């Protein structure tokens, strides 16, 4: 899904997890073909590319930034640590050929933690875990348990997230790229939350974050919170949206049975990212 970059090209790079990759963004008629049940861990090959075609990264370029090339580095299940490091691991991109690069870092859940995959395969460069594995028989079960019991804490995930953001900023600053940051679904990623969890003694790190580069659409803490507000179910942003979505038989206007943005939801995300780019003067005339 990564095109050749010709000299002088202008790029939009999307970093993130399945929310960025476009999982769930299939049209309603595709969902209907599968009776509203598409296994996101075993996506049928015949509809795989449609994710990228409908994702906000491409919608942003198709509908607003028509002279930019979309580069979607979203990866199902990944965490924020691997998302930013994926900028290093696609040498075929030839980003040095680009005349302008906009990086949109769509943060995922802070509890996810990534290790470089042992064999560093061409795809899925990282192995990601959560403090509570969904599958008790998962590969590397002991590693999941050790993370939950000996590593994970709210302070740990807050510090990791802030350091990942700093890394994204340093990469972009070094390459003279533009950076935009938003949260996909985690409503904790705010300055106020980090102050509460880390306390005043880490204000140096908190204040070093480029908060002016964050998008909080309509003052919502995440894009999923915005979509749930448009859905008429704002209370679900606190965490109940997964149960709500998994009971859906078909996508609604904004969300899907797999708890991702619908095709129209991705259009909404693209619109608000574009509005932010314009309001911050990040587009050349």
C-alpha atoms as a PDB file:
ATOM      1  CA  UNK A   1       0.000   0.000   0.000  1.00  0.00           C
ATOM      2  CA  UNK A   2       3.044   2.298  -0.033  1.00  0.00           C
ATOM      3  CA  UNK A   3       3.518   4.073  -3.378  1.00  0.00           C
ATOM      4  CA  UNK A   4       6.789   5.143  -4.916  1.00  0.00           C
ATOM      5  CA  UNK A   5       7.690   8.685  -3.860  1.00  0.00           C
ATOM      6  CA  UNK A   6       8.856  10.863  -6.714  1.00  0.00           C
ATOM      7  CA  UNK A   7      11.053  13.924  -6.121  1.00  0.00           C
ATOM      8  CA  UNK A   8       8.971  16.933  -5.092  1.00  0.00           C
ATOM      9  CA  UNK A   9       5.975  14.908  -3.889  1.00  0.00           C
ATOM     10  CA  UNK A  10       3.839  16.158  -1.013  1.00  0.00           C
ATOM     11  CA  UNK A  11       2.809  13.533   1.530  1.00  0.00           C
ATOM     12  CA  UNK A  12       0.352  12.922   4.336  1.00  0.00           C
ATOM     13  CA  UNK A  13       1.597  10.133   6.609  1.00  0.00           C
ATOM     14  CA  UNK A  14      -0.843   8.520   9.018  1.00  0.00           C
ATOM     15  CA  UNK A  15       0.635   6.791  12.086  1.00  0.00           C
ATOM     16  CA  UNK A  16      -1.482   4.628  14.353  1.00  0.00           C
ATOM     17  CA  UNK A  17      -3.312   1.366  14.817  1.00  0.00           C
ATOM     18  CA  UNK A  18      -6.355  -0.181  13.114  1.00  0.00           C
ATOM     19  CA  UNK A  19      -8.223   3.107  13.598  1.00  0.00           C
ATOM     20  CA  UNK A  20      -5.770   4.674  11.143  1.00  0.00           C
ATOM     21  CA  UNK A  21      -5.375   1.597   8.950  1.00  0.00           C
ATOM     22  CA  UNK A  22      -9.091   1.756   8.143  1.00  0.00           C
ATOM     23  CA  UNK A  23     -10.339  -1.458   9.746  1.00  0.00           C
ATOM     24  CA  UNK A  24     -14.147  -1.442   9.661  1.00  0.00           C
ATOM     25  CA  UNK A  25     -14.479   1.264   7.029  1.00  0.00           C
ATOM     26  CA  UNK A  26     -16.019  -1.019   4.426  1.00  0.00           C
ATOM     27  CA  UNK A  27     -19.222   0.234   2.762  1.00  0.00           C
ATOM     28  CA  UNK A  28     -22.525  -1.069   4.118  1.00  0.00           C
ATOM     29  CA  UNK A  29     -22.972  -3.314   1.099  1.00  0.00           C
ATOM     30  CA  UNK A  30     -19.705  -5.083   1.949  1.00  0.00           C
ATOM     31  CA  UNK A  31     -20.772  -5.520   5.556  1.00  0.00           C
ATOM     32  CA  UNK A  32     -24.067  -6.922   4.250  1.00  0.00           C
ATOM     33  CA  UNK A  33     -22.198  -9.501   2.144  1.00  0.00           C
ATOM     34  CA  UNK A  34     -20.680 -10.815   5.375  1.00  0.00           C
ATOM     35  CA  UNK A  35     -23.926 -10.549   7.351  1.00  0.00           C
ATOM     36  CA  UNK A  36     -22.475  -7.794   9.492  1.00  0.00           C
ATOM     37  CA  UNK A  37     -19.706 -10.046  10.807  1.00  0.00           C
ATOM     38  CA  UNK A  38     -16.160  -9.451   9.563  1.00  0.00           C
ATOM     39  CA  UNK A  39     -13.351 -10.973  11.624  1.00  0.00           C
ATOM     40  CA  UNK A  40     -10.814  -8.152  11.915  1.00  0.00           C
ATOM     41  CA  UNK A  41      -8.069 -10.669  12.758  1.00  0.00           C
ATOM     42  CA  UNK A  42      -8.745 -12.594   9.542  1.00  0.00           C
ATOM     43  CA  UNK A  43      -9.763  -9.924   7.058  1.00  0.00           C
ATOM     44  CA  UNK A  44     -10.742 -11.499   3.713  1.00  0.00           C
ATOM     45  CA  UNK A  45      -8.178 -10.768   1.015  1.00  0.00           C
ATOM     46  CA  UNK A  46     -10.810  -9.479  -1.404  1.00  0.00           C
ATOM     47  CA  UNK A  47     -11.744  -6.570   0.891  1.00  0.00           C
ATOM     48  CA  UNK A  48      -8.333  -5.904   2.432  1.00  0.00           C
ATOM     49  CA  UNK A  49      -7.355  -2.984   0.198  1.00  0.00           C
ATOM     50  CA  UNK A  50     -10.714  -1.291   0.724  1.00  0.00           C
ATOM     51  CA  UNK A  51      -9.667  -0.468   4.285  1.00  0.00           C
ATOM     52  CA  UNK A  52      -6.938   1.793   2.999  1.00  0.00           C
ATOM     53  CA  UNK A  53      -9.164   3.284   0.309  1.00  0.00           C
ATOM     54  CA  UNK A  54     -11.750   4.369   2.885  1.00  0.00           C
ATOM     55  CA  UNK A  55      -9.452   5.315   5.783  1.00  0.00           C
ATOM     56  CA  UNK A  56      -9.196   8.922   6.921  1.00  0.00           C
ATOM     57  CA  UNK A  57      -5.633   9.160   5.557  1.00  0.00           C
ATOM     58  CA  UNK A  58      -6.817   8.700   1.984  1.00  0.00           C
ATOM     59  CA  UNK A  59     -10.064  10.601   2.510  1.00  0.00           C
ATOM     60  CA  UNK A  60      -8.029  13.597   3.672  1.00  0.00           C
ATOM     61  CA  UNK A  61      -6.095  13.586   0.402  1.00  0.00           C
ATOM     62  CA  UNK A  62      -9.007  12.641  -1.871  1.00  0.00           C
ATOM     63  CA  UNK A  63     -11.407  15.233  -0.484  1.00  0.00           C
ATOM     64  CA  UNK A  64      -9.220  18.097   0.750  1.00  0.00           C
ATOM     65  CA  UNK A  65      -5.476  17.856   0.048  1.00  0.00           C
ATOM     66  CA  UNK A  66      -5.795  16.685  -3.531  1.00  0.00           C
ATOM     67  CA  UNK A  67      -2.156  17.370  -4.412  1.00  0.00           C
ATOM     68  CA  UNK A  68      -0.857  15.214  -1.542  1.00  0.00           C
ATOM     69  CA  UNK A  69      -0.106  11.486  -1.590  1.00  0.00           C
ATOM     70  CA  UNK A  70      -1.555   9.451   1.320  1.00  0.00           C
ATOM     71  CA  UNK A  71       0.862   7.139   3.136  1.00  0.00           C
ATOM     72  CA  UNK A  72      -1.016   4.944   5.593  1.00  0.00           C
ATOM     73  CA  UNK A  73       1.303   3.319   8.152  1.00  0.00           C
ATOM     74  CA  UNK A  74      -1.542   2.260  10.427  1.00  0.00           C
ATOM     75  CA  UNK A  75      -1.186  -1.284  11.762  1.00  0.00           C
ATOM     76  CA  UNK A  76      -3.834  -3.414  13.452  1.00  0.00           C
ATOM     77  CA  UNK A  77      -3.286  -3.808  17.205  1.00  0.00           C
ATOM     78  CA  UNK A  78      -0.140  -1.716  17.425  1.00  0.00           C
ATOM     79  CA  UNK A  79       0.722   0.707  20.211  1.00  0.00           C
ATOM     80  CA  UNK A  80       2.046   4.256  20.215  1.00  0.00           C
ATOM     81  CA  UNK A  81       5.647   3.142  20.643  1.00  0.00           C
ATOM     82  CA  UNK A  82       5.692   1.138  17.421  1.00  0.00           C
ATOM     83  CA  UNK A  83       3.525   3.599  15.497  1.00  0.00           C
ATOM     84  CA  UNK A  84       6.117   6.359  15.631  1.00  0.00           C
ATOM     85  CA  UNK A  85       9.016   3.970  15.022  1.00  0.00           C
ATOM     86  CA  UNK A  86       7.389   2.717  11.825  1.00  0.00           C
ATOM     87  CA  UNK A  87       8.738   5.909  10.263  1.00  0.00           C
ATOM     88  CA  UNK A  88      12.184   4.263  10.418  1.00  0.00           C
ATOM     89  CA  UNK A  89      11.191   0.855   9.103  1.00  0.00           C
ATOM     90  CA  UNK A  90       9.933   1.551   5.595  1.00  0.00           C
ATOM     91  CA  UNK A  91      13.118   2.421   3.692  1.00  0.00           C
ATOM     92  CA  UNK A  92      11.315   2.008   0.391  1.00  0.00           C
ATOM     93  CA  UNK A  93       9.332   5.139   1.179  1.00  0.00           C
ATOM     94  CA  UNK A  94      12.259   7.402   0.201  1.00  0.00           C
ATOM     95  CA  UNK A  95      10.841  10.241   2.287  1.00  0.00           C
ATOM     96  CA  UNK A  96      13.873  12.332   1.413  1.00  0.00           C
ATOM     97  CA  UNK A  97      12.332  12.798  -2.050  1.00  0.00           C
ATOM     98  CA  UNK A  98       9.311  14.635  -0.643  1.00  0.00           C
ATOM     99  CA  UNK A  99       9.081  18.412  -0.763  1.00  0.00           C
ATOM    100  CA  UNK A 100       6.543  18.529   2.068  1.00  0.00           C
ATOM    101  CA  UNK A 101       5.434  15.984   4.678  1.00  0.00           C
ATOM    102  CA  UNK A 102       2.534  16.198   7.105  1.00  0.00           C
ATOM    103  CA  UNK A 103       2.638  13.517   9.809  1.00  0.00           C
ATOM    104  CA  UNK A 104      -0.635  12.794  11.610  1.00  0.00           C
ATOM    105  CA  UNK A 105       0.085  10.784  14.753  1.00  0.00           C
ATOM    106  CA  UNK A 106      -3.223   9.164  15.745  1.00  0.00           C
ATOM    107  CA  UNK A 107      -2.549   7.887  19.254  1.00  0.00           C
ATOM    108  CA  UNK A 108      -4.020   4.592  20.408  1.00  0.00           C
ATOM    109  CA  UNK A 109      -4.624   3.231  23.914  1.00  0.00           C
ATOM    110  CA  UNK A 110      -1.815   4.151  26.293  1.00  0.00           C
ATOM    111  CA  UNK A 111      -1.824   0.699  27.914  1.00  0.00           C
ATOM    112  CA  UNK A 112      -0.419  -0.985  24.803  1.00  0.00           C
ATOM    113  CA  UNK A 113       3.295  -1.726  24.807  1.00  0.00           C
ATOM    114  CA  UNK A 114       5.426  -2.791  21.841  1.00  0.00           C
ATOM    115  CA  UNK A 115       8.543  -4.914  21.498  1.00  0.00           C
ATOM    116  CA  UNK A 116      10.474  -5.197  18.266  1.00  0.00           C
ATOM    117  CA  UNK A 117       9.493  -8.521  16.692  1.00  0.00           C
ATOM    118  CA  UNK A 118      12.240 -11.113  17.193  1.00  0.00           C
ATOM    119  CA  UNK A 119      12.804 -11.673  13.464  1.00  0.00           C
ATOM    120  CA  UNK A 120      11.918  -8.112  12.364  1.00  0.00           C
ATOM    121  CA  UNK A 121       9.661  -9.267   9.507  1.00  0.00           C
ATOM    122  CA  UNK A 122       8.853  -7.036   6.554  1.00  0.00           C
ATOM    123  CA  UNK A 123       5.420  -6.310   8.049  1.00  0.00           C
ATOM    124  CA  UNK A 124       4.248  -6.239  11.678  1.00  0.00           C
ATOM    125  CA  UNK A 125       7.612  -5.053  12.908  1.00  0.00           C
ATOM    126  CA  UNK A 126       6.477  -5.052  16.543  1.00  0.00           C
ATOM    127  CA  UNK A 127       4.796  -7.399  18.994  1.00  0.00           C
ATOM    128  CA  UNK A 128       2.200  -5.562  21.089  1.00  0.00           C
ATOM    129  CA  UNK A 129       0.595  -6.494  24.397  1.00  0.00           C
ATOM    130  CA  UNK A 130      -1.907  -5.157  26.912  1.00  0.00           C
ATOM    131  CA  UNK A 131      -1.960  -5.556  30.707  1.00  0.00           C
ATOM    132  CA  UNK A 132      -5.001  -7.863  30.382  1.00  0.00           C
ATOM    133  CA  UNK A 133      -4.655 -10.185  27.360  1.00  0.00           C
ATOM    134  CA  UNK A 134      -7.944 -10.931  25.647  1.00  0.00           C
ATOM    135  CA  UNK A 135      -6.790 -14.484  24.994  1.00  0.00           C
ATOM    136  CA  UNK A 136      -5.447 -16.377  28.015  1.00  0.00           C
ATOM    137  CA  UNK A 137      -3.817 -18.851  25.630  1.00  0.00           C
ATOM    138  CA  UNK A 138      -2.122 -16.153  23.609  1.00  0.00           C
ATOM    139  CA  UNK A 139       1.400 -16.508  22.255  1.00  0.00           C
ATOM    140  CA  UNK A 140       3.980 -15.397  24.842  1.00  0.00           C
ATOM    141  CA  UNK A 141       1.452 -15.682  27.666  1.00  0.00           C
ATOM    142  CA  UNK A 142       4.162 -15.309  30.328  1.00  0.00           C
ATOM    143  CA  UNK A 143       5.288 -12.061  28.750  1.00  0.00           C
ATOM    144  CA  UNK A 144       1.740 -10.671  28.920  1.00  0.00           C
ATOM    145  CA  UNK A 145       1.500 -11.666  32.564  1.00  0.00           C
ATOM    146  CA  UNK A 146       4.883 -10.150  33.411  1.00  0.00           C
ATOM    147  CA  UNK A 147       3.861  -6.889  31.763  1.00  0.00           C
ATOM    148  CA  UNK A 148       0.606  -6.779  33.717  1.00  0.00           C
ATOM    149  CA  UNK A 149       2.181  -7.693  37.055  1.00  0.00           C
ATOM    150  CA  UNK A 150       5.658  -6.158  36.980  1.00  0.00           C
ATOM    151  CA  UNK A 151       5.773  -3.347  34.436  1.00  0.00           C
ATOM    152  CA  UNK A 152       2.370  -1.800  33.774  1.00  0.00           C
ATOM    153  CA  UNK A 153       1.097   1.093  35.862  1.00  0.00           C
ATOM    154  CA  UNK A 154      -0.764   4.260  35.012  1.00  0.00           C
ATOM    155  CA  UNK A 155       2.405   6.257  35.658  1.00  0.00           C
ATOM    156  CA  UNK A 156       4.322   3.932  33.314  1.00  0.00           C
ATOM    157  CA  UNK A 157       1.859   4.303  30.420  1.00  0.00           C
ATOM    158  CA  UNK A 158       1.620   8.070  30.868  1.00  0.00           C
ATOM    159  CA  UNK A 159       5.398   8.465  30.786  1.00  0.00           C
ATOM    160  CA  UNK A 160       5.683   6.136  27.776  1.00  0.00           C
ATOM    161  CA  UNK A 161       3.049   8.095  25.880  1.00  0.00           C
ATOM    162  CA  UNK A 162       4.722  11.423  26.547  1.00  0.00           C
ATOM    163  CA  UNK A 163       8.105  10.057  25.478  1.00  0.00           C
ATOM    164  CA  UNK A 164       6.589   8.642  22.273  1.00  0.00           C
ATOM    165  CA  UNK A 165       5.113  12.043  21.473  1.00  0.00           C
ATOM    166  CA  UNK A 166       8.476  13.694  22.079  1.00  0.00           C
ATOM    167  CA  UNK A 167      10.093  11.208  19.704  1.00  0.00           C
ATOM    168  CA  UNK A 168       7.546  12.002  16.991  1.00  0.00           C
ATOM    169  CA  UNK A 169       8.182  15.710  17.471  1.00  0.00           C
ATOM    170  CA  UNK A 170      11.963  15.310  17.272  1.00  0.00           C
ATOM    171  CA  UNK A 171      11.746  13.231  14.086  1.00  0.00           C
ATOM    172  CA  UNK A 172       9.502  15.796  12.443  1.00  0.00           C
ATOM    173  CA  UNK A 173      11.572  18.742  13.604  1.00  0.00           C
ATOM    174  CA  UNK A 174      14.803  17.138  12.358  1.00  0.00           C
ATOM    175  CA  UNK A 175      13.276  16.536   8.916  1.00  0.00           C
ATOM    176  CA  UNK A 176      11.295  19.805   8.759  1.00  0.00           C
ATOM    177  CA  UNK A 177       8.040  17.867   8.618  1.00  0.00           C
ATOM    178  CA  UNK A 178       4.767  19.135  10.045  1.00  0.00           C
ATOM    179  CA  UNK A 179       3.230  17.226  12.934  1.00  0.00           C
ATOM    180  CA  UNK A 180      -0.386  16.871  13.996  1.00  0.00           C
ATOM    181  CA  UNK A 181      -1.419  14.733  16.996  1.00  0.00           C
ATOM    182  CA  UNK A 182      -4.797  13.349  18.027  1.00  0.00           C
ATOM    183  CA  UNK A 183      -6.259  10.495  20.044  1.00  0.00           C
ATOM    184  CA  UNK A 184      -8.193   7.772  18.269  1.00  0.00           C
ATOM    185  CA  UNK A 185     -10.294   6.576  21.221  1.00  0.00           C
ATOM    186  CA  UNK A 186      -8.339   7.050  24.458  1.00  0.00           C
ATOM    187  CA  UNK A 187      -9.881  10.018  26.308  1.00  0.00           C
ATOM    188  CA  UNK A 188      -7.048  10.141  28.861  1.00  0.00           C
ATOM    189  CA  UNK A 189      -4.574  11.846  26.528  1.00  0.00           C
ATOM    190  CA  UNK A 190      -4.888  15.385  27.835  1.00  0.00           C
ATOM    191  CA  UNK A 191      -2.503  17.657  29.692  1.00  0.00           C
ATOM    192  CA  UNK A 192      -4.816  17.665  32.702  1.00  0.00           C
ATOM    193  CA  UNK A 193      -4.790  13.876  32.951  1.00  0.00           C
ATOM    194  CA  UNK A 194      -1.002  13.658  32.792  1.00  0.00           C
ATOM    195  CA  UNK A 195      -0.677  16.274  35.529  1.00  0.00           C
ATOM    196  CA  UNK A 196      -3.083  14.285  37.696  1.00  0.00           C
ATOM    197  CA  UNK A 197      -1.200  11.011  37.215  1.00  0.00           C
ATOM    198  CA  UNK A 198       2.410  12.198  37.156  1.00  0.00           C
ATOM    199  CA  UNK A 199       2.145  15.123  39.539  1.00  0.00           C
ATOM    200  CA  UNK A 200       3.886  18.446  39.589  1.00  0.00           C
ATOM    201  CA  UNK A 201       7.362  16.898  39.833  1.00  0.00           C
ATOM    202  CA  UNK A 202       7.141  15.844  36.158  1.00  0.00           C
ATOM    203  CA  UNK A 203       5.871  19.142  34.804  1.00  0.00           C
ATOM    204  CA  UNK A 204       9.140  19.480  32.876  1.00  0.00           C
ATOM    205  CA  UNK A 205       8.185  16.508  30.711  1.00  0.00           C
ATOM    206  CA  UNK A 206       4.510  17.450  30.483  1.00  0.00           C
ATOM    207  CA  UNK A 207       5.313  21.035  29.465  1.00  0.00           C
ATOM    208  CA  UNK A 208       7.778  19.805  26.828  1.00  0.00           C
ATOM    209  CA  UNK A 209       4.928  18.248  24.834  1.00  0.00           C
ATOM    210  CA  UNK A 210       3.767  20.272  21.773  1.00  0.00           C
ATOM    211  CA  UNK A 211       0.177  20.661  22.994  1.00  0.00           C
ATOM    212  CA  UNK A 212      -0.472  23.217  20.247  1.00  0.00           C
ATOM    213  CA  UNK A 213      -0.180  20.377  17.720  1.00  0.00           C
ATOM    214  CA  UNK A 214      -3.069  18.406  19.251  1.00  0.00           C
ATOM    215  CA  UNK A 215      -6.522  18.168  17.689  1.00  0.00           C
ATOM    216  CA  UNK A 216      -9.445  18.069  20.105  1.00  0.00           C
ATOM    217  CA  UNK A 217     -12.364  18.175  17.634  1.00  0.00           C
ATOM    218  CA  UNK A 218     -15.315  20.153  19.021  1.00  0.00           C
ATOM    219  CA  UNK A 219     -13.475  20.021  22.376  1.00  0.00           C
ATOM    220  CA  UNK A 220     -13.762  16.220  22.426  1.00  0.00           C
ATOM    221  CA  UNK A 221     -10.839  14.272  23.882  1.00  0.00           C
ATOM    222  CA  UNK A 222     -10.709  11.703  21.089  1.00  0.00           C
ATOM    223  CA  UNK A 223     -12.134  11.195  17.634  1.00  0.00           C
ATOM    224  CA  UNK A 224     -14.200   8.267  18.898  1.00  0.00           C
ATOM    225  CA  UNK A 225     -15.707  10.582  21.500  1.00  0.00           C
ATOM    226  CA  UNK A 226     -16.651  12.957  18.676  1.00  0.00           C
ATOM    227  CA  UNK A 227     -18.221  10.152  16.626  1.00  0.00           C
ATOM    228  CA  UNK A 228     -20.179   8.886  19.623  1.00  0.00           C
ATOM    229  CA  UNK A 229     -21.413  12.427  20.238  1.00  0.00           C
ATOM    230  CA  UNK A 230     -22.609  12.585  16.627  1.00  0.00           C
ATOM    231  CA  UNK A 231     -24.110   9.131  17.145  1.00  0.00           C
ATOM    232  CA  UNK A 232     -26.196  10.524  19.984  1.00  0.00           C
ATOM    233  CA  UNK A 233     -24.420   8.294  22.540  1.00  0.00           C
ATOM    234  CA  UNK A 234     -21.776  10.554  24.141  1.00  0.00           C
ATOM    235  CA  UNK A 235     -21.831   8.601  27.415  1.00  0.00           C
ATOM    236  CA  UNK A 236     -20.226   5.620  25.674  1.00  0.00           C
ATOM    237  CA  UNK A 237     -16.915   7.449  25.276  1.00  0.00           C
ATOM    238  CA  UNK A 238     -16.096   6.527  28.873  1.00  0.00           C
ATOM    239  CA  UNK A 239     -15.566   2.950  27.731  1.00  0.00           C
ATOM    240  CA  UNK A 240     -18.925   1.409  26.927  1.00  0.00           C
ATOM    241  CA  UNK A 241     -18.612   1.908  23.194  1.00  0.00           C
ATOM    242  CA  UNK A 242     -17.065  -1.518  22.600  1.00  0.00           C
ATOM    243  CA  UNK A 243     -20.044  -3.389  24.053  1.00  0.00           C
ATOM    244  CA  UNK A 244     -22.405  -1.086  22.184  1.00  0.00           C
ATOM    245  CA  UNK A 245     -20.651  -1.668  18.872  1.00  0.00           C
ATOM    246  CA  UNK A 246     -20.269  -5.437  19.151  1.00  0.00           C
ATOM    247  CA  UNK A 247     -24.055  -5.742  19.483  1.00  0.00           C
ATOM    248  CA  UNK A 248     -24.649  -3.878  16.222  1.00  0.00           C
ATOM    249  CA  UNK A 249     -25.826  -5.951  13.268  1.00  0.00           C
ATOM    250  CA  UNK A 250     -24.563  -3.399  10.719  1.00  0.00           C
ATOM    251  CA  UNK A 251     -22.549  -0.174  10.786  1.00  0.00           C
ATOM    252  CA  UNK A 252     -24.402   2.919  11.910  1.00  0.00           C
ATOM    253  CA  UNK A 253     -23.695   6.289  10.348  1.00  0.00           C
ATOM    254  CA  UNK A 254     -20.492   6.708  12.342  1.00  0.00           C
ATOM    255  CA  UNK A 255     -19.353   3.417  13.973  1.00  0.00           C
ATOM    256  CA  UNK A 256     -19.128  -0.263  13.077  1.00  0.00           C
ATOM    257  CA  UNK A 257     -19.784  -3.646  14.714  1.00  0.00           C
ATOM    258  CA  UNK A 258     -16.002  -3.992  15.203  1.00  0.00           C
ATOM    259  CA  UNK A 259     -15.876  -0.742  17.237  1.00  0.00           C
ATOM    260  CA  UNK A 260     -14.154   1.373  14.593  1.00  0.00           C
ATOM    261  CA  UNK A 261     -15.208   4.419  12.573  1.00  0.00           C
ATOM    262  CA  UNK A 262     -17.528   3.697   9.669  1.00  0.00           C
ATOM    263  CA  UNK A 263     -16.730   4.905   6.175  1.00  0.00           C
ATOM    264  CA  UNK A 264     -18.632   8.102   6.965  1.00  0.00           C
ATOM    265  CA  UNK A 265     -16.863   8.288  10.321  1.00  0.00           C
ATOM    266  CA  UNK A 266     -13.541   8.386   8.496  1.00  0.00           C
ATOM    267  CA  UNK A 267     -14.859  11.207   6.325  1.00  0.00           C
ATOM    268  CA  UNK A 268     -15.676  13.158   9.487  1.00  0.00           C
ATOM    269  CA  UNK A 269     -12.176  12.557  10.869  1.00  0.00           C
ATOM    270  CA  UNK A 270     -10.592  13.734   7.612  1.00  0.00           C
ATOM    271  CA  UNK A 271     -12.701  16.903   7.673  1.00  0.00           C
ATOM    272  CA  UNK A 272     -11.614  17.850  11.182  1.00  0.00           C
ATOM    273  CA  UNK A 273      -7.952  17.153  10.480  1.00  0.00           C
ATOM    274  CA  UNK A 274      -8.171  19.400   7.437  1.00  0.00           C
ATOM    275  CA  UNK A 275      -9.873  22.145   9.478  1.00  0.00           C
ATOM    276  CA  UNK A 276      -7.043  21.944  12.006  1.00  0.00           C
ATOM    277  CA  UNK A 277      -4.371  22.175   9.303  1.00  0.00           C
ATOM    278  CA  UNK A 278      -6.052  25.268   7.896  1.00  0.00           C
ATOM    279  CA  UNK A 279      -6.647  26.940  11.279  1.00  0.00           C
ATOM    280  CA  UNK A 280      -3.004  26.402  12.287  1.00  0.00           C
ATOM    281  CA  UNK A 281      -1.632  27.712   8.997  1.00  0.00           C
ATOM    282  CA  UNK A 282       0.077  24.420   8.194  1.00  0.00           C
ATOM    283  CA  UNK A 283      -0.742  24.372   4.496  1.00  0.00           C
ATOM    284  CA  UNK A 284       1.223  26.271   1.900  1.00  0.00           C
ATOM    285  CA  UNK A 285      -0.875  28.520  -0.307  1.00  0.00           C
END
